């Protein structure tokens, strides 16, 4: 009892620490919010132009409210050759690239994550070097390779090349997510008689769904907005994606159909926005909590 009284007296005479000023106040906070406001406006103005110009038949490069709101720009671009077929081509390229990259990334990242080897770091650094190479430097030899293999203007060949160019970063991301899956869960599956591929498909992959969702969004959005590769490798207009078709709104001598360009851009951005909404809705629904018992 005497010890408790002594401790309480000591705590009473102990000097209290001064609480620093809140970071939400003061001159520094004012400049921080001011800088964030400028960045917000810079991001908001192009979006407002896109929205206003899509409903304005006399749209220009200036951000202004339409005099008369109309859907004529959408009616003008809603054709098979101008919108629907390019969007379908973009979906085929992006979805196929995402599936191939996810499959190859999981199989490549698994041995790097689970087995210790002196070749792991050199391999990962080589993969990282592959992400640093600009695609414009590779297109000349790739174009010559496609010509020699008679794969020019081939959708399958374009998908394979887009998958190969997206795979290095996907391996890095998948490996980091796979490291968070406890090896004890796989060992329990092996004890129950599961094979290696069975444990990967039934244990590792389900627990990596949030991580694989991140990788799939990264790969899909990269392929969806890829302009240079399809422009170089696909010659037929019926095979070109929307990223290349959008170039058709820029006419000769600097003329641009701003209203139709904005309307097409809004439609073109819908799939990516939907993917982000779905991923944010379901990304946090899976957890490893309680997966390993002591």
C-alpha atoms as a PDB file:
ATOM      1  CA  UNK A   1       0.000   0.000   0.000  1.00  0.00           C
ATOM      2  CA  UNK A   2       2.842   2.337   0.871  1.00  0.00           C
ATOM      3  CA  UNK A   3       4.512   1.557  -2.451  1.00  0.00           C
ATOM      4  CA  UNK A   4       1.343   2.469  -4.332  1.00  0.00           C
ATOM      5  CA  UNK A   5       1.123   5.765  -2.426  1.00  0.00           C
ATOM      6  CA  UNK A   6       4.764   6.518  -3.204  1.00  0.00           C
ATOM      7  CA  UNK A   7       4.254   5.791  -6.905  1.00  0.00           C
ATOM      8  CA  UNK A   8       1.178   8.022  -7.034  1.00  0.00           C
ATOM      9  CA  UNK A   9       3.060  10.860  -5.340  1.00  0.00           C
ATOM     10  CA  UNK A  10       5.941  10.455  -7.763  1.00  0.00           C
ATOM     11  CA  UNK A  11       3.580  10.595 -10.733  1.00  0.00           C
ATOM     12  CA  UNK A  12       1.968  13.731  -9.319  1.00  0.00           C
ATOM     13  CA  UNK A  13       5.284  15.575  -9.093  1.00  0.00           C
ATOM     14  CA  UNK A  14       6.473  14.323 -12.505  1.00  0.00           C
ATOM     15  CA  UNK A  15       6.506  17.192 -15.053  1.00  0.00           C
ATOM     16  CA  UNK A  16       3.975  16.819 -17.822  1.00  0.00           C
ATOM     17  CA  UNK A  17       5.129  16.781 -21.421  1.00  0.00           C
ATOM     18  CA  UNK A  18       4.038  19.705 -23.494  1.00  0.00           C
ATOM     19  CA  UNK A  19       1.686  18.679 -26.270  1.00  0.00           C
ATOM     20  CA  UNK A  20       2.943  20.055 -29.589  1.00  0.00           C
ATOM     21  CA  UNK A  21       0.743  22.206 -31.726  1.00  0.00           C
ATOM     22  CA  UNK A  22      -1.696  20.348 -33.919  1.00  0.00           C
ATOM     23  CA  UNK A  23      -0.451  19.899 -37.487  1.00  0.00           C
ATOM     24  CA  UNK A  24      -3.869  21.062 -38.666  1.00  0.00           C
ATOM     25  CA  UNK A  25      -3.158  24.568 -37.447  1.00  0.00           C
ATOM     26  CA  UNK A  26      -0.574  27.203 -38.123  1.00  0.00           C
ATOM     27  CA  UNK A  27       1.146  28.662 -41.152  1.00  0.00           C
ATOM     28  CA  UNK A  28       2.579  25.333 -42.341  1.00  0.00           C
ATOM     29  CA  UNK A  29      -0.877  23.773 -42.353  1.00  0.00           C
ATOM     30  CA  UNK A  30      -2.221  26.703 -44.358  1.00  0.00           C
ATOM     31  CA  UNK A  31       0.421  26.288 -47.075  1.00  0.00           C
ATOM     32  CA  UNK A  32      -0.096  22.504 -47.086  1.00  0.00           C
ATOM     33  CA  UNK A  33      -3.850  22.852 -47.651  1.00  0.00           C
ATOM     34  CA  UNK A  34      -3.228  25.591 -50.203  1.00  0.00           C
ATOM     35  CA  UNK A  35      -0.877  23.322 -52.181  1.00  0.00           C
ATOM     36  CA  UNK A  36      -3.381  20.459 -52.005  1.00  0.00           C
ATOM     37  CA  UNK A  37      -6.095  22.796 -53.233  1.00  0.00           C
ATOM     38  CA  UNK A  38      -3.998  23.772 -56.253  1.00  0.00           C
ATOM     39  CA  UNK A  39      -3.322  20.126 -57.086  1.00  0.00           C
ATOM     40  CA  UNK A  40      -7.033  19.339 -56.714  1.00  0.00           C
ATOM     41  CA  UNK A  41      -7.992  22.132 -59.109  1.00  0.00           C
ATOM     42  CA  UNK A  42      -5.368  21.026 -61.644  1.00  0.00           C
ATOM     43  CA  UNK A  43      -6.815  17.517 -61.599  1.00  0.00           C
ATOM     44  CA  UNK A  44     -10.410  18.731 -61.611  1.00  0.00           C
ATOM     45  CA  UNK A  45     -10.216  21.075 -64.615  1.00  0.00           C
ATOM     46  CA  UNK A  46      -9.462  18.354 -67.232  1.00  0.00           C
ATOM     47  CA  UNK A  47     -12.293  16.227 -65.826  1.00  0.00           C
ATOM     48  CA  UNK A  48     -14.683  19.149 -66.015  1.00  0.00           C
ATOM     49  CA  UNK A  49     -13.629  19.836 -69.597  1.00  0.00           C
ATOM     50  CA  UNK A  50     -14.252  16.191 -70.443  1.00  0.00           C
ATOM     51  CA  UNK A  51     -17.718  16.294 -68.929  1.00  0.00           C
ATOM     52  CA  UNK A  52     -18.763  19.653 -70.396  1.00  0.00           C
ATOM     53  CA  UNK A  53     -17.318  19.067 -73.881  1.00  0.00           C
ATOM     54  CA  UNK A  54     -19.043  15.691 -74.202  1.00  0.00           C
ATOM     55  CA  UNK A  55     -22.441  17.432 -74.095  1.00  0.00           C
ATOM     56  CA  UNK A  56     -21.476  20.453 -76.197  1.00  0.00           C
ATOM     57  CA  UNK A  57     -21.585  20.291 -80.011  1.00  0.00           C
ATOM     58  CA  UNK A  58     -19.507  23.468 -80.286  1.00  0.00           C
ATOM     59  CA  UNK A  59     -16.875  22.395 -77.774  1.00  0.00           C
ATOM     60  CA  UNK A  60     -13.329  23.759 -77.949  1.00  0.00           C
ATOM     61  CA  UNK A  61     -10.212  23.197 -75.891  1.00  0.00           C
ATOM     62  CA  UNK A  62     -11.523  25.689 -73.310  1.00  0.00           C
ATOM     63  CA  UNK A  63     -13.337  24.523 -70.180  1.00  0.00           C
ATOM     64  CA  UNK A  64     -16.775  26.120 -70.305  1.00  0.00           C
ATOM     65  CA  UNK A  65     -20.372  25.227 -69.648  1.00  0.00           C
ATOM     66  CA  UNK A  66     -22.320  24.193 -72.765  1.00  0.00           C
ATOM     67  CA  UNK A  67     -24.769  26.750 -74.063  1.00  0.00           C
ATOM     68  CA  UNK A  68     -27.206  23.960 -74.917  1.00  0.00           C
ATOM     69  CA  UNK A  69     -26.770  20.520 -73.336  1.00  0.00           C
ATOM     70  CA  UNK A  70     -27.129  17.797 -75.959  1.00  0.00           C
ATOM     71  CA  UNK A  71     -26.297  14.154 -76.532  1.00  0.00           C
ATOM     72  CA  UNK A  72     -25.493  14.588 -80.222  1.00  0.00           C
ATOM     73  CA  UNK A  73     -21.821  13.769 -79.663  1.00  0.00           C
ATOM     74  CA  UNK A  74     -22.721  10.379 -78.207  1.00  0.00           C
ATOM     75  CA  UNK A  75     -25.163   9.697 -81.029  1.00  0.00           C
ATOM     76  CA  UNK A  76     -22.466  10.474 -83.588  1.00  0.00           C
ATOM     77  CA  UNK A  77     -19.927   8.024 -82.167  1.00  0.00           C
ATOM     78  CA  UNK A  78     -22.273   5.155 -81.312  1.00  0.00           C
ATOM     79  CA  UNK A  79     -21.395   3.091 -84.366  1.00  0.00           C
ATOM     80  CA  UNK A  80     -19.892  -0.344 -84.730  1.00  0.00           C
ATOM     81  CA  UNK A  81     -16.682   0.713 -86.463  1.00  0.00           C
ATOM     82  CA  UNK A  82     -16.038   3.797 -84.354  1.00  0.00           C
ATOM     83  CA  UNK A  83     -16.889   2.656 -80.828  1.00  0.00           C
ATOM     84  CA  UNK A  84     -18.237  -0.849 -80.249  1.00  0.00           C
ATOM     85  CA  UNK A  85     -15.677  -2.855 -82.217  1.00  0.00           C
ATOM     86  CA  UNK A  86     -12.645  -0.916 -80.865  1.00  0.00           C
ATOM     87  CA  UNK A  87     -13.942  -1.286 -77.302  1.00  0.00           C
ATOM     88  CA  UNK A  88     -14.394  -5.011 -77.832  1.00  0.00           C
ATOM     89  CA  UNK A  89     -10.862  -5.265 -79.231  1.00  0.00           C
ATOM     90  CA  UNK A  90      -9.558  -3.385 -76.188  1.00  0.00           C
ATOM     91  CA  UNK A  91     -11.394  -5.759 -73.874  1.00  0.00           C
ATOM     92  CA  UNK A  92     -10.036  -8.841 -75.656  1.00  0.00           C
ATOM     93  CA  UNK A  93      -6.468  -7.514 -75.544  1.00  0.00           C
ATOM     94  CA  UNK A  94      -6.662  -6.359 -71.921  1.00  0.00           C
ATOM     95  CA  UNK A  95      -8.513  -9.364 -70.490  1.00  0.00           C
ATOM     96  CA  UNK A  96      -6.333 -11.902 -72.320  1.00  0.00           C
ATOM     97  CA  UNK A  97      -3.168 -10.099 -71.243  1.00  0.00           C
ATOM     98  CA  UNK A  98      -4.355 -10.002 -67.624  1.00  0.00           C
ATOM     99  CA  UNK A  99      -5.181 -13.721 -67.530  1.00  0.00           C
ATOM    100  CA  UNK A 100      -1.851 -14.750 -69.062  1.00  0.00           C
ATOM    101  CA  UNK A 101       0.153 -12.437 -66.807  1.00  0.00           C
ATOM    102  CA  UNK A 102      -1.607 -13.581 -63.613  1.00  0.00           C
ATOM    103  CA  UNK A 103      -1.079 -17.246 -64.454  1.00  0.00           C
ATOM    104  CA  UNK A 104       2.604 -16.807 -65.302  1.00  0.00           C
ATOM    105  CA  UNK A 105       3.257 -14.422 -62.394  1.00  0.00           C
ATOM    106  CA  UNK A 106       1.874 -16.863 -59.801  1.00  0.00           C
ATOM    107  CA  UNK A 107       3.902 -19.786 -61.153  1.00  0.00           C
ATOM    108  CA  UNK A 108       7.062 -17.660 -61.352  1.00  0.00           C
ATOM    109  CA  UNK A 109       6.705 -15.970 -57.976  1.00  0.00           C
ATOM    110  CA  UNK A 110       6.003 -19.190 -56.074  1.00  0.00           C
ATOM    111  CA  UNK A 111       9.503 -20.749 -56.173  1.00  0.00           C
ATOM    112  CA  UNK A 112      11.080 -17.344 -55.528  1.00  0.00           C
ATOM    113  CA  UNK A 113       8.881 -16.827 -52.474  1.00  0.00           C
ATOM    114  CA  UNK A 114       9.027 -20.335 -51.043  1.00  0.00           C
ATOM    115  CA  UNK A 115      12.537 -21.607 -51.821  1.00  0.00           C
ATOM    116  CA  UNK A 116      15.788 -19.971 -50.782  1.00  0.00           C
ATOM    117  CA  UNK A 117      18.390 -19.925 -53.525  1.00  0.00           C
ATOM    118  CA  UNK A 118      21.429 -17.852 -54.405  1.00  0.00           C
ATOM    119  CA  UNK A 119      19.829 -17.189 -57.799  1.00  0.00           C
ATOM    120  CA  UNK A 120      16.739 -15.489 -56.351  1.00  0.00           C
ATOM    121  CA  UNK A 121      18.209 -12.008 -56.038  1.00  0.00           C
ATOM    122  CA  UNK A 122      19.971 -12.031 -59.436  1.00  0.00           C
ATOM    123  CA  UNK A 123      16.754 -13.205 -61.048  1.00  0.00           C
ATOM    124  CA  UNK A 124      14.681 -10.518 -59.330  1.00  0.00           C
ATOM    125  CA  UNK A 125      17.188  -7.829 -60.295  1.00  0.00           C
ATOM    126  CA  UNK A 126      17.071  -9.057 -63.882  1.00  0.00           C
ATOM    127  CA  UNK A 127      13.291  -8.844 -63.781  1.00  0.00           C
ATOM    128  CA  UNK A 128      13.532  -5.356 -62.312  1.00  0.00           C
ATOM    129  CA  UNK A 129      15.870  -4.356 -65.125  1.00  0.00           C
ATOM    130  CA  UNK A 130      13.239  -5.545 -67.574  1.00  0.00           C
ATOM    131  CA  UNK A 131      10.773  -3.034 -66.145  1.00  0.00           C
ATOM    132  CA  UNK A 132      13.215  -0.176 -66.736  1.00  0.00           C
ATOM    133  CA  UNK A 133      13.505  -0.693 -70.482  1.00  0.00           C
ATOM    134  CA  UNK A 134      11.369   1.830 -72.396  1.00  0.00           C
ATOM    135  CA  UNK A 135       8.956   0.188 -74.779  1.00  0.00           C
ATOM    136  CA  UNK A 136       9.954   2.551 -77.592  1.00  0.00           C
ATOM    137  CA  UNK A 137      13.483   1.103 -77.586  1.00  0.00           C
ATOM    138  CA  UNK A 138      12.158  -2.417 -77.987  1.00  0.00           C
ATOM    139  CA  UNK A 139       9.686  -1.828 -80.773  1.00  0.00           C
ATOM    140  CA  UNK A 140      12.207  -1.791 -83.639  1.00  0.00           C
ATOM    141  CA  UNK A 141      13.610  -5.284 -82.932  1.00  0.00           C
ATOM    142  CA  UNK A 142      10.155  -6.525 -81.930  1.00  0.00           C
ATOM    143  CA  UNK A 143       8.691  -5.241 -85.192  1.00  0.00           C
ATOM    144  CA  UNK A 144      11.457  -6.998 -87.162  1.00  0.00           C
ATOM    145  CA  UNK A 145      10.828 -10.191 -85.146  1.00  0.00           C
ATOM    146  CA  UNK A 146       7.105 -10.072 -85.876  1.00  0.00           C
ATOM    147  CA  UNK A 147       7.786  -9.574 -89.586  1.00  0.00           C
ATOM    148  CA  UNK A 148      10.197 -12.514 -89.712  1.00  0.00           C
ATOM    149  CA  UNK A 149       7.738 -14.757 -87.853  1.00  0.00           C
ATOM    150  CA  UNK A 150       4.810 -13.613 -90.023  1.00  0.00           C
ATOM    151  CA  UNK A 151       2.923 -12.458 -86.909  1.00  0.00           C
ATOM    152  CA  UNK A 152       2.386  -8.851 -87.925  1.00  0.00           C
ATOM    153  CA  UNK A 153      -1.250  -7.782 -87.657  1.00  0.00           C
ATOM    154  CA  UNK A 154      -1.890 -10.739 -85.343  1.00  0.00           C
ATOM    155  CA  UNK A 155      -4.057 -10.238 -82.261  1.00  0.00           C
ATOM    156  CA  UNK A 156      -2.543 -13.294 -80.567  1.00  0.00           C
ATOM    157  CA  UNK A 157       0.993 -12.066 -81.200  1.00  0.00           C
ATOM    158  CA  UNK A 158       0.115  -8.629 -79.811  1.00  0.00           C
ATOM    159  CA  UNK A 159      -1.405 -10.211 -76.697  1.00  0.00           C
ATOM    160  CA  UNK A 160       1.728 -12.297 -76.124  1.00  0.00           C
ATOM    161  CA  UNK A 161       4.011  -9.295 -76.438  1.00  0.00           C
ATOM    162  CA  UNK A 162       1.847  -7.151 -74.156  1.00  0.00           C
ATOM    163  CA  UNK A 163       1.861  -9.992 -71.620  1.00  0.00           C
ATOM    164  CA  UNK A 164       5.640 -10.268 -71.775  1.00  0.00           C
ATOM    165  CA  UNK A 165       6.079  -6.531 -71.274  1.00  0.00           C
ATOM    166  CA  UNK A 166       3.719  -6.499 -68.252  1.00  0.00           C
ATOM    167  CA  UNK A 167       5.085  -9.651 -66.621  1.00  0.00           C
ATOM    168  CA  UNK A 168       8.235  -8.275 -64.866  1.00  0.00           C
ATOM    169  CA  UNK A 169       6.423  -5.846 -62.580  1.00  0.00           C
ATOM    170  CA  UNK A 170       3.625  -8.367 -62.040  1.00  0.00           C
ATOM    171  CA  UNK A 171       6.186 -10.921 -60.791  1.00  0.00           C
ATOM    172  CA  UNK A 172       7.558  -8.423 -58.276  1.00  0.00           C
ATOM    173  CA  UNK A 173       4.101  -7.535 -56.996  1.00  0.00           C
ATOM    174  CA  UNK A 174       2.886 -11.147 -56.848  1.00  0.00           C
ATOM    175  CA  UNK A 175       6.008 -12.268 -54.995  1.00  0.00           C
ATOM    176  CA  UNK A 176       5.505  -9.633 -52.307  1.00  0.00           C
ATOM    177  CA  UNK A 177       1.877 -10.626 -51.824  1.00  0.00           C
ATOM    178  CA  UNK A 178       2.758 -14.327 -51.771  1.00  0.00           C
ATOM    179  CA  UNK A 179       5.293 -13.757 -48.982  1.00  0.00           C
ATOM    180  CA  UNK A 180       2.400 -12.807 -46.682  1.00  0.00           C
ATOM    181  CA  UNK A 181       0.729 -16.228 -47.043  1.00  0.00           C
ATOM    182  CA  UNK A 182       1.947 -18.503 -44.202  1.00  0.00           C
ATOM    183  CA  UNK A 183       3.791 -21.604 -45.338  1.00  0.00           C
ATOM    184  CA  UNK A 184       2.115 -23.550 -42.501  1.00  0.00           C
ATOM    185  CA  UNK A 185      -1.163 -23.532 -44.403  1.00  0.00           C
ATOM    186  CA  UNK A 186       0.474 -25.241 -47.364  1.00  0.00           C
ATOM    187  CA  UNK A 187       2.169 -27.766 -45.110  1.00  0.00           C
ATOM    188  CA  UNK A 188      -1.205 -28.651 -43.625  1.00  0.00           C
ATOM    189  CA  UNK A 189      -2.575 -29.205 -47.130  1.00  0.00           C
ATOM    190  CA  UNK A 190       0.410 -31.416 -47.993  1.00  0.00           C
ATOM    191  CA  UNK A 191      -0.222 -33.512 -44.885  1.00  0.00           C
ATOM    192  CA  UNK A 192      -3.803 -34.004 -46.081  1.00  0.00           C
ATOM    193  CA  UNK A 193      -2.458 -35.359 -49.382  1.00  0.00           C
ATOM    194  CA  UNK A 194      -2.652 -32.296 -51.611  1.00  0.00           C
ATOM    195  CA  UNK A 195      -0.133 -31.953 -54.408  1.00  0.00           C
ATOM    196  CA  UNK A 196       1.976 -28.862 -54.994  1.00  0.00           C
ATOM    197  CA  UNK A 197      -0.281 -27.453 -57.714  1.00  0.00           C
ATOM    198  CA  UNK A 198      -3.354 -28.328 -55.643  1.00  0.00           C
ATOM    199  CA  UNK A 199      -2.003 -26.433 -52.638  1.00  0.00           C
ATOM    200  CA  UNK A 200      -1.222 -23.424 -54.817  1.00  0.00           C
ATOM    201  CA  UNK A 201      -4.669 -23.348 -56.394  1.00  0.00           C
ATOM    202  CA  UNK A 202      -6.687 -24.151 -53.251  1.00  0.00           C
ATOM    203  CA  UNK A 203      -4.622 -22.475 -50.505  1.00  0.00           C
ATOM    204  CA  UNK A 204      -2.216 -19.830 -51.807  1.00  0.00           C
ATOM    205  CA  UNK A 205      -4.271 -18.279 -54.598  1.00  0.00           C
ATOM    206  CA  UNK A 206      -7.506 -17.856 -52.561  1.00  0.00           C
ATOM    207  CA  UNK A 207      -5.582 -16.118 -49.773  1.00  0.00           C
ATOM    208  CA  UNK A 208      -3.884 -13.876 -52.338  1.00  0.00           C
ATOM    209  CA  UNK A 209      -7.092 -12.617 -53.919  1.00  0.00           C
ATOM    210  CA  UNK A 210      -6.673  -9.034 -52.687  1.00  0.00           C
ATOM    211  CA  UNK A 211      -3.100  -8.990 -54.008  1.00  0.00           C
ATOM    212  CA  UNK A 212      -4.075 -10.603 -57.288  1.00  0.00           C
ATOM    213  CA  UNK A 213      -6.827  -8.014 -57.632  1.00  0.00           C
ATOM    214  CA  UNK A 214      -4.196  -5.281 -57.374  1.00  0.00           C
ATOM    215  CA  UNK A 215      -2.003  -6.992 -59.968  1.00  0.00           C
ATOM    216  CA  UNK A 216      -4.939  -7.539 -62.314  1.00  0.00           C
ATOM    217  CA  UNK A 217      -5.954  -3.875 -62.092  1.00  0.00           C
ATOM    218  CA  UNK A 218      -2.380  -2.804 -62.802  1.00  0.00           C
ATOM    219  CA  UNK A 219      -2.074  -5.105 -65.829  1.00  0.00           C
ATOM    220  CA  UNK A 220      -5.579  -4.459 -67.170  1.00  0.00           C
ATOM    221  CA  UNK A 221      -5.316  -0.665 -66.994  1.00  0.00           C
ATOM    222  CA  UNK A 222      -1.864  -0.757 -68.566  1.00  0.00           C
ATOM    223  CA  UNK A 223      -3.093  -2.876 -71.457  1.00  0.00           C
ATOM    224  CA  UNK A 224      -6.327  -0.880 -71.788  1.00  0.00           C
ATOM    225  CA  UNK A 225      -4.453   2.384 -72.238  1.00  0.00           C
ATOM    226  CA  UNK A 226      -1.610   0.977 -74.343  1.00  0.00           C
ATOM    227  CA  UNK A 227      -1.415   2.931 -77.592  1.00  0.00           C
ATOM    228  CA  UNK A 228       2.060   2.378 -78.967  1.00  0.00           C
ATOM    229  CA  UNK A 229       2.189  -1.425 -79.132  1.00  0.00           C
ATOM    230  CA  UNK A 230      -1.156  -1.999 -80.944  1.00  0.00           C
ATOM    231  CA  UNK A 231      -0.436   0.962 -83.209  1.00  0.00           C
ATOM    232  CA  UNK A 232       2.826  -0.641 -84.339  1.00  0.00           C
ATOM    233  CA  UNK A 233       1.781  -4.298 -84.511  1.00  0.00           C
ATOM    234  CA  UNK A 234      -1.840  -4.175 -85.695  1.00  0.00           C
ATOM    235  CA  UNK A 235      -2.357  -2.906 -89.231  1.00  0.00           C
ATOM    236  CA  UNK A 236      -6.045  -3.643 -89.808  1.00  0.00           C
ATOM    237  CA  UNK A 237      -8.495  -1.081 -88.477  1.00  0.00           C
ATOM    238  CA  UNK A 238     -10.890  -3.892 -87.540  1.00  0.00           C
ATOM    239  CA  UNK A 239      -8.312  -5.241 -85.029  1.00  0.00           C
ATOM    240  CA  UNK A 240      -7.194  -1.984 -83.458  1.00  0.00           C
ATOM    241  CA  UNK A 241      -8.300  -1.158 -79.896  1.00  0.00           C
ATOM    242  CA  UNK A 242      -9.984   2.002 -78.682  1.00  0.00           C
ATOM    243  CA  UNK A 243      -6.653   3.499 -77.591  1.00  0.00           C
ATOM    244  CA  UNK A 244      -5.672   3.662 -81.273  1.00  0.00           C
ATOM    245  CA  UNK A 245      -9.131   4.536 -82.590  1.00  0.00           C
ATOM    246  CA  UNK A 246      -9.236   7.646 -80.417  1.00  0.00           C
ATOM    247  CA  UNK A 247      -6.511   9.033 -82.658  1.00  0.00           C
ATOM    248  CA  UNK A 248      -9.061   9.247 -85.493  1.00  0.00           C
ATOM    249  CA  UNK A 249     -10.743  12.252 -83.840  1.00  0.00           C
ATOM    250  CA  UNK A 250      -7.661  14.316 -84.617  1.00  0.00           C
ATOM    251  CA  UNK A 251      -8.021  15.475 -88.215  1.00  0.00           C
ATOM    252  CA  UNK A 252      -5.658  17.137 -90.666  1.00  0.00           C
ATOM    253  CA  UNK A 253      -4.206  20.615 -90.189  1.00  0.00           C
ATOM    254  CA  UNK A 254      -4.846  20.615 -86.441  1.00  0.00           C
ATOM    255  CA  UNK A 255      -8.612  20.135 -86.582  1.00  0.00           C
ATOM    256  CA  UNK A 256     -10.059  18.202 -83.657  1.00  0.00           C
ATOM    257  CA  UNK A 257     -13.627  17.032 -83.046  1.00  0.00           C
ATOM    258  CA  UNK A 258     -13.527  18.032 -79.383  1.00  0.00           C
ATOM    259  CA  UNK A 259     -17.101  17.084 -78.543  1.00  0.00           C
ATOM    260  CA  UNK A 260     -16.917  13.609 -80.049  1.00  0.00           C
ATOM    261  CA  UNK A 261     -13.438  13.127 -78.574  1.00  0.00           C
ATOM    262  CA  UNK A 262     -14.725  13.931 -75.083  1.00  0.00           C
ATOM    263  CA  UNK A 263     -17.770  11.674 -75.497  1.00  0.00           C
ATOM    264  CA  UNK A 264     -15.609   8.786 -76.703  1.00  0.00           C
ATOM    265  CA  UNK A 265     -13.157   9.366 -73.822  1.00  0.00           C
ATOM    266  CA  UNK A 266     -15.950   9.145 -71.262  1.00  0.00           C
ATOM    267  CA  UNK A 267     -17.154   5.842 -72.664  1.00  0.00           C
ATOM    268  CA  UNK A 268     -13.572   4.620 -72.975  1.00  0.00           C
ATOM    269  CA  UNK A 269     -12.871   5.293 -69.283  1.00  0.00           C
ATOM    270  CA  UNK A 270     -15.939   3.479 -67.918  1.00  0.00           C
ATOM    271  CA  UNK A 271     -14.436  -0.077 -67.715  1.00  0.00           C
ATOM    272  CA  UNK A 272     -11.388   1.097 -65.766  1.00  0.00           C
ATOM    273  CA  UNK A 273     -13.535   3.109 -63.344  1.00  0.00           C
ATOM    274  CA  UNK A 274     -15.809   0.092 -62.816  1.00  0.00           C
ATOM    275  CA  UNK A 275     -12.782  -2.088 -62.054  1.00  0.00           C
ATOM    276  CA  UNK A 276     -11.575   0.351 -59.411  1.00  0.00           C
ATOM    277  CA  UNK A 277     -15.017   0.524 -57.808  1.00  0.00           C
ATOM    278  CA  UNK A 278     -15.372  -3.258 -57.688  1.00  0.00           C
ATOM    279  CA  UNK A 279     -11.848  -3.731 -56.332  1.00  0.00           C
ATOM    280  CA  UNK A 280     -12.362  -1.121 -53.602  1.00  0.00           C
ATOM    281  CA  UNK A 281     -15.600  -2.840 -52.642  1.00  0.00           C
ATOM    282  CA  UNK A 282     -14.187  -6.344 -52.302  1.00  0.00           C
ATOM    283  CA  UNK A 283     -10.461  -5.780 -51.734  1.00  0.00           C
ATOM    284  CA  UNK A 284     -10.678  -5.815 -47.966  1.00  0.00           C
ATOM    285  CA  UNK A 285     -13.148  -8.665 -47.571  1.00  0.00           C
ATOM    286  CA  UNK A 286     -10.486 -11.372 -47.340  1.00  0.00           C
ATOM    287  CA  UNK A 287      -8.133 -11.683 -44.434  1.00  0.00           C
ATOM    288  CA  UNK A 288      -5.558 -14.108 -43.074  1.00  0.00           C
ATOM    289  CA  UNK A 289      -6.739 -13.521 -39.530  1.00  0.00           C
ATOM    290  CA  UNK A 290      -7.168 -16.782 -37.700  1.00  0.00           C
ATOM    291  CA  UNK A 291      -5.631 -18.791 -40.526  1.00  0.00           C
ATOM    292  CA  UNK A 292      -2.757 -20.098 -38.410  1.00  0.00           C
ATOM    293  CA  UNK A 293      -3.456 -21.560 -34.990  1.00  0.00           C
ATOM    294  CA  UNK A 294      -0.786 -22.013 -32.386  1.00  0.00           C
END
